[in-house]
Amino acid sequence: MKRPGNRLSSARPLLGTALALVTLLASALPAVASAPSPSASVAAGSPRPVVTVAQGGLRGQTRDGAQEFLGVPYAAPPVGDARLRAPQPPPRWNGVREAVQQAPACLQFSPFGLADPRAVSEDCLYLDVYRPRTARPGARLPVVLWMHGGAYSQGTGTQFGGRTMADLTQSVVVSINYRLGQLGYLALPELGGDNARRSGSFGLMDQIAALQWTRQNIAAFGGNPGSVTISGQSAGSGSVCALLAAPSAAGLFHRAVLQSGPCTLLRTPDSASAEGQARSFAAHAGCAVPGEVAACLRAVSGAALVEAARTLPTPGPVSGDGLLPLPPAQAIGSGSWNKVPVLIGSTRSEARFFVALTQPHLTAEQYTAQVLADYGAAGPEVLARYPVAAHGSPYLALSAVMTDSTFACHTAWTAQLFASQVPTYVYEFDDPQSPTLAGAQVPGLDESNAHSAELAYLHDFTMGERPLTPVQAALGTRMKRYWAAFARFGAPVVPGQTAWPPAGAAAGAVLTLNPSATRTTSSFGEDHQCAFWRTRPPRPL
């Protein structure tokens, strides 16, 4: 089968710019661990819920109409000699463990100062579980397991509360932490030799361990281990891509949601090329002596590892080993993947977030010069298709170029790969008044519909620049119902809401999620000029 977008073997225009901003992807603003939402209220006077998992008892709490169990260990602490090794099962405990405080974020490798977490630790392999207040063992409710974004380098699952989703849709929501940076992804043979998959993608192993824990224990919370949906945004969506292609993840999930992270865009390096970068990182960390690299990396301070990664960000999961034999896009295109129904989409103006943070005051002259430099002979045509006059400003014009050439069209091409094999549902989030992330708003710039804009509509997400309006909250309710119906049935069918047809293998329908007019459209590819971007000559290196 011919892979859509197969002319993308070289970088597309400005793709290098977009991916150079990888530390800003997705959950760029981790919440403070264990800090409850200001609007959340804990029920007083009612008995606190208790469940029993394989490791022991857990006592949670009822808050905002749902029950939550926070800071639940799904693997042993990866510290000391367990650093840079495959995750191990969590230890058992006696009695009932308190589960009312979120765990610290994993060590952050790319903090950038807007709202970095104050509580971080290498002892971070924990998850939070949210369920309806009426849920009981045996209820067999659908399960949604969420993986945060953050360029595989920063972020935390604790900023994505699931109380509202659980209560509204009668589902069980699980949000996880996983190892980040080079603690989570380091392709050195001397590290991979310690595990059966001969892989250094420990963060991906953590995600698989969380799925295994969920399969073993989620029934105690009322969840159905036979109905698990993996879901993620940005690098979290890249993690979904990797899990779809990982043979050892087969059978652990039954549906997949990919938000703003299409598999043809977020590519995995091969193990050979990643090893060179990993050795450079080890040398920067002071661990270059042959035969001592692994021991040195396990002994050096976490701060030293973060410092060594400052100019050498992790590429994330690596392909070509026993954990991920093929790059996800290649595996999906060849049909060799864990086939499940897919829901996939993006926001209408993804790149506004990145351009606002890096080039907010771009001039028309600078825009023209940058496009010509990036596209060479194709530059004049790009400028003709994306003139400043048609977009209102150089900032908006560059944002449109980057959005279309990366997230938007790759979403369409990845969806085509899926749709030829499994039921596939495609969306575009389009709220022209959506808030951006707190601290990221540049005065005078329109940052609506940018990367991460949809997160506040799907989660109890406190990192928005402002609260949602009632009209926006109503859109959020409809979105939660679509997502939960997909998790329950494998199709986002919600009585009383706009019908969401599956996409075809060519140019299928896309559901536009808009506060006033949610509708289906077949013009997504035309709107984002995907025919042009697919045939444009590769950008000269």
Protein backbone atom coordinates (compact mmCIF):
# COMPACT_ATOMS: atom_id res chain seq x y z
CA MET A 1 0.00 0.00 0.00
CA LYS A 2 1.29 3.43 -0.92
CA ARG A 3 1.65 5.60 2.15
CA PRO A 4 -0.07 9.01 2.00
CA GLY A 5 2.48 11.77 2.11
CA ASN A 6 5.31 9.47 1.11
CA ARG A 7 7.23 12.40 -0.37
CA LEU A 8 7.89 13.63 3.12
CA SER A 9 11.17 11.81 3.57
CA SER A 10 12.90 15.18 3.77
CA ALA A 11 11.87 18.01 6.04
CA ARG A 12 8.89 20.01 4.87
CA PRO A 13 8.99 23.83 4.82
CA LEU A 14 9.49 25.23 8.28
CA LEU A 15 9.12 21.74 9.78
CA GLY A 16 12.57 22.17 11.23
CA THR A 17 11.39 25.37 12.88
CA ALA A 18 8.32 23.67 14.30
CA LEU A 19 10.20 20.68 15.66
CA ALA A 20 12.97 22.86 17.03
CA LEU A 21 10.24 24.12 19.32
CA VAL A 22 9.61 20.62 20.56
CA THR A 23 10.15 21.63 24.18
CA LEU A 24 7.04 23.73 23.89
CA LEU A 25 4.82 20.92 22.64
CA ALA A 26 1.62 20.16 24.45
CA SER A 27 1.59 20.30 28.22
CA ALA A 28 4.06 23.11 28.31
CA LEU A 29 2.77 24.29 31.63
CA PRO A 30 2.82 21.47 34.18
CA ALA A 31 0.62 21.95 37.19
CA VAL A 32 1.99 21.91 40.71
CA ALA A 33 1.81 18.36 41.98
CA SER A 34 -0.84 17.68 44.61
CA ALA A 35 -2.39 21.15 44.25
CA PRO A 36 -6.16 20.76 43.93
CA SER A 37 -8.18 22.82 41.51
CA PRO A 38 -9.37 26.02 43.19
CA SER A 39 -12.95 25.24 42.13
CA ALA A 40 -12.86 21.61 43.26
CA SER A 41 -14.70 20.69 46.44
CA VAL A 42 -14.20 17.56 48.54
CA ALA A 43 -17.39 16.00 49.84
CA ALA A 44 -17.57 16.23 53.62
CA GLY A 45 -19.29 13.78 55.88
CA SER A 46 -19.66 10.94 53.38
CA PRO A 47 -17.71 7.68 53.67
CA ARG A 48 -14.51 7.75 51.68
CA PRO A 49 -14.26 5.19 48.88
CA VAL A 50 -11.92 2.22 49.29
CA VAL A 51 -10.81 -0.20 46.58
CA THR A 52 -8.45 -3.16 46.69
CA VAL A 53 -5.85 -3.60 43.96
CA ALA A 54 -3.15 -6.23 43.59
CA GLN A 55 -0.76 -4.27 45.82
CA GLY A 56 -3.18 -3.48 48.66
CA GLY A 57 -6.04 -1.19 49.64
CA LEU A 58 -6.52 2.40 48.40
CA ARG A 59 -8.62 5.05 50.10
CA GLY A 60 -9.65 7.89 47.80
CA GLN A 61 -12.08 10.76 48.10
CA THR A 62 -15.23 12.16 46.53
CA ARG A 63 -14.81 15.51 44.84
CA ASP A 64 -17.04 17.45 42.45
CA GLY A 65 -19.43 14.54 42.01
CA ALA A 66 -16.77 11.97 41.15
CA GLN A 67 -14.39 9.78 43.10
CA GLU A 68 -10.63 10.07 42.71
CA PHE A 69 -7.69 7.94 43.73
CA LEU A 70 -4.51 9.95 43.41
CA GLY A 71 -0.82 9.10 43.46
CA VAL A 72 -1.29 5.37 42.86
CA PRO A 73 2.01 3.56 42.10
CA TYR A 74 1.92 1.48 38.94
CA ALA A 75 5.63 0.58 39.00
CA ALA A 76 8.48 0.49 41.47
CA PRO A 77 10.43 3.75 41.91
CA PRO A 78 13.03 3.93 39.09
CA VAL A 79 15.73 5.33 41.34
CA GLY A 80 19.22 4.31 42.38
CA ASP A 81 20.31 1.19 40.55
CA ALA A 82 16.81 1.01 38.98
CA ARG A 83 17.47 4.26 37.08
CA LEU A 84 17.63 3.71 33.32
CA ARG A 85 16.17 0.23 33.58
CA ALA A 86 12.85 -1.26 32.52
CA PRO A 87 10.03 -0.59 35.03
CA GLN A 88 9.38 -3.23 37.65
CA PRO A 89 6.08 -4.09 39.38
CA PRO A 90 5.11 -1.84 42.29
CA PRO A 91 5.70 -3.17 45.79
CA ARG A 92 2.82 -4.37 47.93
CA TRP A 93 1.80 -2.52 51.07
CA ASN A 94 0.01 -3.49 54.24
CA GLY A 95 -3.41 -2.12 55.10
CA VAL A 96 -5.02 0.74 53.20
CA ARG A 97 -2.93 3.38 51.46
CA GLU A 98 -4.11 6.99 51.38
CA ALA A 99 -4.73 8.07 47.77
CA VAL A 100 -5.73 11.72 48.05
CA GLN A 101 -2.53 13.50 47.01
CA GLN A 102 -1.03 13.62 43.55
CA ALA A 103 2.53 12.44 43.05
CA PRO A 104 5.35 14.73 41.93
CA ALA A 105 6.02 15.26 38.25
CA CYS A 106 8.86 13.28 36.74
CA LEU A 107 12.17 15.11 36.46
CA GLN A 108 11.69 17.92 33.93
CA PHE A 109 14.24 18.14 31.14
CA SER A 110 12.90 21.17 29.28
CA PRO A 111 11.30 23.61 31.72
CA PHE A 112 10.93 27.05 30.24
CA GLY A 113 9.64 29.18 33.05
CA LEU A 114 5.94 29.90 32.53
CA ALA A 115 4.62 27.65 35.28
CA ASP A 116 7.12 24.90 35.87
CA PRO A 117 6.24 22.33 38.54
CA ARG A 118 7.64 22.90 42.00
CA ALA A 119 7.36 19.23 42.97
CA VAL A 120 9.48 16.93 40.79
CA SER A 121 11.15 13.63 41.51
CA GLU A 122 12.67 10.62 39.81
CA ASP A 123 10.27 8.62 41.98
CA CYS A 124 7.33 9.51 39.77
CA LEU A 125 5.71 6.40 38.25
CA TYR A 126 2.24 7.05 39.58
CA LEU A 127 -1.20 7.51 38.12
CA ASP A 128 -4.52 9.08 39.09
CA VAL A 129 -7.86 7.27 38.67
CA TYR A 130 -11.22 9.05 38.40
CA ARG A 131 -14.54 7.25 38.40
CA PRO A 132 -18.24 8.13 38.73
CA ARG A 133 -19.38 8.39 42.33
CA THR A 134 -21.78 5.48 41.75
CA ALA A 135 -19.18 3.15 40.22
CA ARG A 136 -18.62 -0.19 41.87
CA PRO A 137 -16.51 -3.28 41.05
CA GLY A 138 -18.06 -5.16 38.18
CA ALA A 139 -19.67 -2.10 36.57
CA ARG A 140 -17.53 -2.63 33.46
CA LEU A 141 -17.35 1.05 32.53
CA PRO A 142 -15.19 2.14 29.57
CA VAL A 143 -11.67 3.24 30.51
CA VAL A 144 -9.71 6.16 29.04
CA LEU A 145 -5.97 6.20 29.79
CA TRP A 146 -4.43 9.62 29.17
CA MET A 147 -0.79 10.37 28.33
CA HIS A 148 0.30 14.01 28.58
CA GLY A 149 2.43 15.79 26.03
CA GLY A 150 5.55 17.86 26.48
CA ALA A 151 8.02 16.75 23.80
CA TYR A 152 8.91 13.67 25.87
CA SER A 153 10.87 16.13 28.00
CA GLN A 154 8.48 17.82 30.40
CA GLY A 155 4.91 17.81 31.65
CA THR A 156 2.89 15.74 34.08
CA GLY A 157 -0.32 13.77 34.13
CA THR A 158 -1.44 15.57 37.29
CA GLN A 159 -2.64 18.64 35.39
CA PHE A 160 -5.29 16.63 33.57
CA GLY A 161 -8.10 15.95 36.00
CA GLY A 162 -10.79 13.50 34.93
CA ARG A 163 -13.57 14.16 37.44
CA THR A 164 -15.93 15.89 35.03
CA MET A 165 -15.41 13.35 32.24
CA ALA A 166 -15.97 10.45 34.64
CA ASP A 167 -19.13 11.89 36.19
CA LEU A 168 -20.65 13.20 32.95
CA THR A 169 -20.02 10.14 30.80
CA GLN A 170 -19.96 7.25 33.29
CA SER A 171 -16.42 6.29 32.39
CA VAL A 172 -13.19 5.65 34.28
CA VAL A 173 -10.30 8.03 33.52
CA VAL A 174 -6.65 7.22 34.21
CA SER A 175 -3.92 9.88 33.88
CA ILE A 176 -0.30 8.77 34.13
CA ASN A 177 3.22 10.07 34.63
CA TYR A 178 6.06 8.48 32.66
CA ARG A 179 9.81 9.08 32.63
CA LEU A 180 10.95 12.05 30.57
CA GLY A 181 14.07 13.31 28.85
CA GLN A 182 17.08 11.03 28.77
CA LEU A 183 15.82 9.21 31.86
CA GLY A 184 12.97 8.02 29.66
CA TYR A 185 14.61 7.80 26.26
CA LEU A 186 18.31 7.01 25.86
CA ALA A 187 19.37 4.67 23.06
CA LEU A 188 22.58 3.17 24.45
CA PRO A 189 23.18 -0.56 23.88
CA GLU A 190 24.68 -0.95 27.36
CA LEU A 191 21.36 0.21 28.81
CA GLY A 192 19.11 -1.72 26.43
CA GLY A 193 21.07 -4.89 27.06
CA ASP A 194 19.53 -5.02 30.53
CA ASN A 195 16.02 -5.72 29.24
CA ALA A 196 14.37 -8.29 27.01
CA ARG A 197 13.48 -5.73 24.32
CA ARG A 198 17.04 -4.41 24.14
CA SER A 199 15.64 -0.91 24.17
CA GLY A 200 16.39 2.37 25.92
CA SER A 201 12.85 3.74 25.44
CA PHE A 202 12.03 3.49 29.14
CA GLY A 203 9.23 6.06 28.92
CA LEU A 204 7.42 3.86 26.40
CA MET A 205 8.01 0.87 28.68
CA ASP A 206 6.46 2.90 31.53
CA GLN A 207 3.35 3.51 29.44
CA ILE A 208 3.08 -0.20 28.71
CA ALA A 209 3.53 -0.94 32.42
CA ALA A 210 0.70 1.49 33.20
CA LEU A 211 -1.52 -0.33 30.71
CA GLN A 212 -0.61 -3.67 32.27
CA TRP A 213 -1.45 -2.30 35.73
CA THR A 214 -4.74 -1.01 34.34
CA ARG A 215 -5.63 -4.37 32.83
CA GLN A 216 -4.91 -6.08 36.15
CA ASN A 217 -6.61 -3.61 38.48
CA ILE A 218 -9.15 -1.37 36.76
CA ALA A 219 -12.07 -3.72 37.43
CA ALA A 220 -11.71 -2.87 41.13
CA PHE A 221 -12.66 0.70 40.24
CA GLY A 222 -15.61 -0.38 38.09
CA GLY A 223 -13.71 -0.20 34.82
CA ASN A 224 -13.75 -2.74 32.02
CA PRO A 225 -10.26 -4.12 31.27
CA GLY A 226 -11.63 -5.23 27.91
CA SER A 227 -12.54 -1.65 26.92
CA VAL A 228 -9.46 0.54 27.33
CA THR A 229 -8.85 3.59 25.13
CA ILE A 230 -5.38 5.11 24.97
CA SER A 231 -5.42 8.84 24.46
CA GLY A 232 -2.78 11.56 24.21
CA GLN A 233 -1.99 15.00 22.84
CA SER A 234 1.16 16.19 21.07
CA ALA A 235 4.01 14.00 22.38
CA GLY A 236 1.28 12.05 24.19
CA SER A 237 -0.22 11.40 20.76
CA GLY A 238 3.25 10.38 19.57
CA SER A 239 3.20 7.89 22.44
CA VAL A 240 -0.13 6.56 21.16
CA CYS A 241 1.52 6.11 17.74
CA ALA A 242 4.34 4.15 19.36
CA LEU A 243 1.95 1.95 21.32
CA LEU A 244 0.02 1.20 18.14
CA ALA A 245 3.27 -0.04 16.60
CA ALA A 246 4.72 -1.83 19.65
CA PRO A 247 4.15 -5.61 19.51
CA SER A 248 4.40 -5.90 23.30
CA ALA A 249 1.42 -3.54 23.71
CA ALA A 250 -0.90 -5.81 21.73
CA GLY A 251 -4.13 -6.58 23.57
CA LEU A 252 -3.63 -3.94 26.26
CA PHE A 253 -5.99 -1.41 24.64
CA HIS A 254 -8.95 -1.44 22.28
CA ARG A 255 -9.26 2.08 20.87
CA ALA A 256 -6.93 5.03 20.32
CA VAL A 257 -7.29 8.83 20.36
CA LEU A 258 -4.58 11.03 18.79
CA GLN A 259 -4.75 14.79 19.40
CA SER A 260 -2.36 17.15 17.61
CA GLY A 261 0.33 14.54 17.09
CA PRO A 262 -0.07 12.65 13.78
CA CYS A 263 2.17 9.65 13.30
CA THR A 264 3.61 10.81 9.96
CA LEU A 265 4.85 14.01 11.62
CA LEU A 266 6.19 12.82 14.98
CA ARG A 267 8.71 10.38 13.63
CA THR A 268 11.03 8.09 15.54
CA PRO A 269 14.77 8.00 14.82
CA ASP A 270 16.36 4.63 14.17
CA SER A 271 18.43 3.11 16.96
CA ALA A 272 21.73 3.58 15.13
CA SER A 273 21.37 7.33 14.62
CA ALA A 274 19.89 7.79 18.09
CA GLU A 275 22.88 6.03 19.64
CA GLY A 276 25.24 8.74 18.39
CA GLN A 277 23.15 11.43 20.02
CA ALA A 278 22.88 9.36 23.20
CA ARG A 279 26.68 9.04 23.41
CA SER A 280 27.06 12.78 22.97
CA PHE A 281 24.61 13.27 25.83
CA ALA A 282 26.49 10.81 28.04
CA ALA A 283 29.74 12.63 27.33
CA HIS A 284 28.14 15.97 28.25
CA ALA A 285 27.04 14.35 31.51
CA GLY A 286 30.63 13.26 32.21
CA CYS A 287 30.05 9.62 31.36
CA ALA A 288 32.27 8.74 28.42
CA VAL A 289 34.64 6.07 29.76
CA PRO A 290 34.06 2.81 27.87
CA GLY A 291 32.66 0.08 30.07
CA GLU A 292 31.57 2.59 32.74
CA VAL A 293 28.91 4.61 30.92
CA ALA A 294 25.86 2.83 32.36
CA ALA A 295 27.13 2.89 35.95
CA CYS A 296 28.15 6.52 35.59
CA LEU A 297 24.76 7.58 34.27
CA ARG A 298 23.05 5.81 37.15
CA ALA A 299 25.29 7.59 39.66
CA VAL A 300 25.37 11.15 38.34
CA SER A 301 22.93 13.68 39.79
CA GLY A 302 19.60 14.37 38.13
CA ALA A 303 20.59 18.02 37.82
CA ALA A 304 23.66 17.02 35.82
CA LEU A 305 21.49 15.00 33.44
CA VAL A 306 19.13 17.92 32.92
CA GLU A 307 22.06 20.23 32.25
CA ALA A 308 23.58 17.80 29.75
CA ALA A 309 20.26 17.69 27.88
CA ARG A 310 20.03 21.47 27.56
CA THR A 311 21.48 21.43 24.03
CA LEU A 312 20.70 17.76 23.31
CA PRO A 313 16.94 17.23 23.76
CA THR A 314 15.71 13.67 23.65
CA PRO A 315 14.17 12.49 20.37
CA GLY A 316 11.66 10.34 22.25
CA PRO A 317 11.05 6.68 21.41
CA VAL A 318 13.50 5.01 19.05
CA SER A 319 12.59 2.44 16.40
CA GLY A 320 14.61 -0.52 15.21
CA ASP A 321 14.81 -2.40 18.51
CA GLY A 322 12.75 -5.15 20.10
CA LEU A 323 10.30 -2.72 21.66
CA LEU A 324 9.51 -0.72 18.51
CA PRO A 325 10.75 -2.68 15.49
CA LEU A 326 9.39 -0.23 12.90
CA PRO A 327 8.69 3.52 12.90
CA PRO A 328 4.97 3.90 13.73
CA ALA A 329 3.99 5.47 10.38
CA GLN A 330 5.77 2.67 8.52
CA ALA A 331 4.21 -0.01 10.69
CA ILE A 332 0.73 1.45 10.22
CA GLY A 333 1.23 1.88 6.47
CA SER A 334 2.33 -1.74 6.13
CA GLY A 335 -0.57 -3.06 8.19
CA SER A 336 1.75 -4.44 10.89
CA TRP A 337 0.30 -2.69 13.94
CA ASN A 338 -2.16 -3.14 16.80
CA LYS A 339 -5.32 -2.44 14.82
CA VAL A 340 -8.05 -0.65 16.77
CA PRO A 341 -10.59 2.07 15.89
CA VAL A 342 -9.03 5.54 15.83
CA LEU A 343 -10.16 9.07 16.62
CA ILE A 344 -7.69 11.68 15.38
CA GLY A 345 -7.58 15.45 14.91
CA SER A 346 -5.92 18.81 15.36
CA THR A 347 -6.70 22.42 16.15
CA ARG A 348 -7.35 24.82 13.28
CA SER A 349 -4.30 27.05 13.91
CA GLU A 350 -1.81 24.82 15.72
CA ALA A 351 1.32 26.85 14.95
CA ARG A 352 0.08 30.12 16.41
CA PHE A 353 1.33 28.88 19.77
CA PHE A 354 4.88 28.37 18.53
CA VAL A 355 5.12 31.51 16.41
CA ALA A 356 3.70 33.63 19.25
CA LEU A 357 6.39 32.38 21.61
CA THR A 358 9.27 32.78 19.18
CA GLN A 359 8.43 35.38 16.51
CA PRO A 360 5.49 37.42 17.80
CA HIS A 361 6.60 40.66 16.17
CA LEU A 362 7.57 39.29 12.76
CA THR A 363 7.61 41.92 10.02
CA ALA A 364 6.45 41.45 6.45
CA GLU A 365 10.03 41.68 5.25
CA GLN A 366 11.18 39.06 7.73
CA TYR A 367 8.30 36.77 6.76
CA THR A 368 9.19 37.00 3.07
CA ALA A 369 12.88 36.43 3.72
CA GLN A 370 12.21 33.43 5.96
CA VAL A 371 9.87 31.73 3.50
CA LEU A 372 12.28 32.26 0.61
CA ALA A 373 15.16 30.92 2.69
CA ASP A 374 13.23 27.87 3.85
CA TYR A 375 11.62 26.96 0.54
CA GLY A 376 14.17 27.99 -2.04
CA ALA A 377 12.69 27.72 -5.54
CA ALA A 378 9.24 26.94 -4.09
CA GLY A 379 9.33 30.06 -1.90
CA PRO A 380 7.56 32.39 -4.34
CA GLU A 381 4.66 29.94 -4.68
CA VAL A 382 4.38 29.61 -0.89
CA LEU A 383 4.24 33.40 -0.61
CA ALA A 384 1.61 33.55 -3.34
CA ARG A 385 -0.52 30.97 -1.54
CA TYR A 386 -0.02 32.58 1.88
CA PRO A 387 0.15 36.36 1.30
CA VAL A 388 0.27 38.58 4.36
CA ALA A 389 -2.68 40.58 3.04
CA ALA A 390 -4.92 37.53 3.08
CA HIS A 391 -4.07 36.66 6.67
CA GLY A 392 -3.89 40.05 8.30
CA SER A 393 -0.35 39.96 9.63
CA PRO A 394 3.00 38.26 9.08
CA TYR A 395 2.46 36.38 12.36
CA LEU A 396 -0.81 34.89 11.13
CA ALA A 397 0.60 34.14 7.67
CA LEU A 398 3.59 32.25 9.06
CA SER A 399 1.31 30.45 11.51
CA ALA A 400 -0.86 29.31 8.60
CA VAL A 401 2.16 28.06 6.64
CA MET A 402 3.46 26.09 9.60
CA THR A 403 0.04 24.77 10.62
CA ASP A 404 -0.83 23.51 7.17
CA SER A 405 2.55 22.03 6.29
CA THR A 406 2.88 20.15 9.56
CA PHE A 407 0.00 19.38 11.91
CA ALA A 408 -3.02 19.85 9.64
CA CYS A 409 -1.96 17.97 6.53
CA HIS A 410 -0.13 15.29 8.46
CA THR A 411 -3.33 14.73 10.42
CA ALA A 412 -5.13 14.18 7.11
CA TRP A 413 -2.42 11.86 5.79
CA THR A 414 -2.19 9.85 9.01
CA ALA A 415 -5.98 9.56 9.06
CA GLN A 416 -5.87 8.13 5.53
CA LEU A 417 -3.41 5.46 6.67
CA PHE A 418 -5.80 4.46 9.44
CA ALA A 419 -9.04 4.78 7.47
CA SER A 420 -8.02 2.21 4.90
CA GLN A 421 -7.74 -0.38 7.68
CA VAL A 422 -9.94 0.51 10.68
CA PRO A 423 -12.91 2.75 11.55
CA THR A 424 -11.42 6.25 11.76
CA TYR A 425 -13.00 9.50 12.94
CA VAL A 426 -11.37 12.86 12.22
CA TYR A 427 -12.00 16.22 13.90
CA GLU A 428 -10.78 19.80 13.73
CA PHE A 429 -11.13 21.96 16.83
CA ASP A 430 -12.22 25.46 15.78
CA ASP A 431 -13.18 27.93 18.48
CA PRO A 432 -12.08 31.42 17.35
CA GLN A 433 -12.31 32.63 20.95
CA SER A 434 -10.49 29.77 22.69
CA PRO A 435 -8.08 30.73 25.48
CA THR A 436 -4.41 29.90 25.21
CA LEU A 437 -2.21 28.54 27.99
CA ALA A 438 -1.63 30.69 31.06
CA GLY A 439 1.43 32.86 30.63
CA ALA A 440 1.70 32.26 26.89
CA GLN A 441 -0.61 35.04 25.68
CA VAL A 442 1.24 37.80 23.85
CA PRO A 443 -0.67 41.10 24.01
CA GLY A 444 -2.29 41.96 20.72
CA LEU A 445 -1.91 38.52 19.09
CA ASP A 446 -4.76 36.19 18.19
CA GLU A 447 -3.70 32.85 19.68
CA SER A 448 -7.05 31.12 19.40
CA ASN A 449 -7.17 27.56 18.09
CA ALA A 450 -3.46 27.15 18.78
CA HIS A 451 -1.66 23.99 19.89
CA SER A 452 -3.21 22.73 23.17
CA ALA A 453 -6.37 24.85 22.78
CA GLU A 454 -8.70 21.86 23.09
CA LEU A 455 -7.27 20.57 26.38
CA ALA A 456 -9.42 22.81 28.59
CA TYR A 457 -12.54 21.48 26.86
CA LEU A 458 -11.79 17.82 27.60
CA HIS A 459 -10.14 17.83 31.03
CA ASP A 460 -10.37 19.52 34.41
CA PHE A 461 -7.51 21.64 33.17
CA THR A 462 -6.51 24.66 35.24
CA MET A 463 -3.69 25.95 33.04
CA GLY A 464 -5.83 27.93 30.63
CA GLU A 465 -5.24 31.64 30.27
CA ARG A 466 -8.85 32.21 31.42
CA PRO A 467 -11.90 30.08 32.28
CA LEU A 468 -14.20 28.87 29.55
CA THR A 469 -17.37 30.83 28.90
CA PRO A 470 -20.71 29.03 29.28
CA VAL A 471 -20.90 28.60 25.49
CA GLN A 472 -17.38 27.15 25.42
CA ALA A 473 -18.13 24.90 28.39
CA ALA A 474 -21.15 23.58 26.48
CA LEU A 475 -18.83 22.71 23.58
CA GLY A 476 -16.59 20.97 26.11
CA THR A 477 -19.54 18.91 27.29
CA ARG A 478 -20.32 17.81 23.74
CA MET A 479 -16.68 16.95 23.13
CA LYS A 480 -16.46 14.85 26.30
CA ARG A 481 -19.57 12.96 25.21
CA TYR A 482 -18.10 12.28 21.76
CA TRP A 483 -14.81 11.07 23.24
CA ALA A 484 -16.56 8.87 25.81
CA ALA A 485 -18.92 7.38 23.22
CA PHE A 486 -15.90 6.47 21.12
CA ALA A 487 -14.31 4.86 24.18
CA ARG A 488 -17.49 2.92 24.90
CA PHE A 489 -18.58 1.86 21.41
CA GLY A 490 -15.62 2.45 19.09
CA ALA A 491 -17.70 5.12 17.34
CA PRO A 492 -18.49 8.67 18.59
CA VAL A 493 -22.26 8.27 18.32
CA VAL A 494 -24.12 10.59 20.71
CA PRO A 495 -27.91 10.96 20.46
CA GLY A 496 -28.91 14.59 20.00
CA GLN A 497 -25.46 15.69 18.78
CA THR A 498 -24.23 16.22 15.23
CA ALA A 499 -23.60 12.89 13.51
CA TRP A 500 -19.89 12.11 13.12
CA PRO A 501 -19.37 9.84 10.10
CA PRO A 502 -16.20 7.79 9.68
CA ALA A 503 -13.53 9.04 7.34
CA GLY A 504 -12.87 7.34 4.05
CA ALA A 505 -9.45 6.20 2.88
CA ALA A 506 -9.29 9.09 0.40
CA ALA A 507 -10.80 12.38 1.56
CA GLY A 508 -13.28 11.57 4.27
CA ALA A 509 -15.52 13.73 6.41
CA VAL A 510 -14.05 15.83 9.21
CA LEU A 511 -16.12 17.00 12.18
CA THR A 512 -15.53 20.68 12.93
CA LEU A 513 -15.88 21.28 16.67
CA ASN A 514 -17.17 24.84 16.96
CA PRO A 515 -19.14 26.39 19.86
CA SER A 516 -21.97 27.61 17.63
CA ALA A 517 -21.94 25.27 14.63
CA THR A 518 -20.44 21.81 15.01
CA ARG A 519 -20.68 20.32 11.53
CA THR A 520 -19.07 17.88 9.12
CA THR A 521 -16.98 19.08 6.21
CA SER A 522 -15.15 17.47 3.32
CA SER A 523 -13.00 20.55 2.60
CA PHE A 524 -10.33 20.05 5.29
CA GLY A 525 -7.62 19.20 2.76
CA GLU A 526 -8.56 22.12 0.55
CA ASP A 527 -8.74 24.51 3.50
CA HIS A 528 -5.18 23.61 4.50
CA GLN A 529 -3.83 23.26 0.93
CA CYS A 530 -2.74 19.67 1.52
CA ALA A 531 -2.48 18.79 -2.18
CA PHE A 532 0.15 21.49 -2.51
CA TRP A 533 2.08 20.41 0.57
CA ARG A 534 2.13 16.77 -0.49
CA THR A 535 3.68 17.52 -3.87
CA ARG A 536 6.00 20.36 -2.89
CA PRO A 537 9.64 19.45 -3.51
CA PRO A 538 11.58 18.56 -0.35
CA ARG A 539 13.13 21.49 1.41
CA PRO A 540 16.86 21.71 0.50
CA LEU A 541 19.08 20.96 3.47
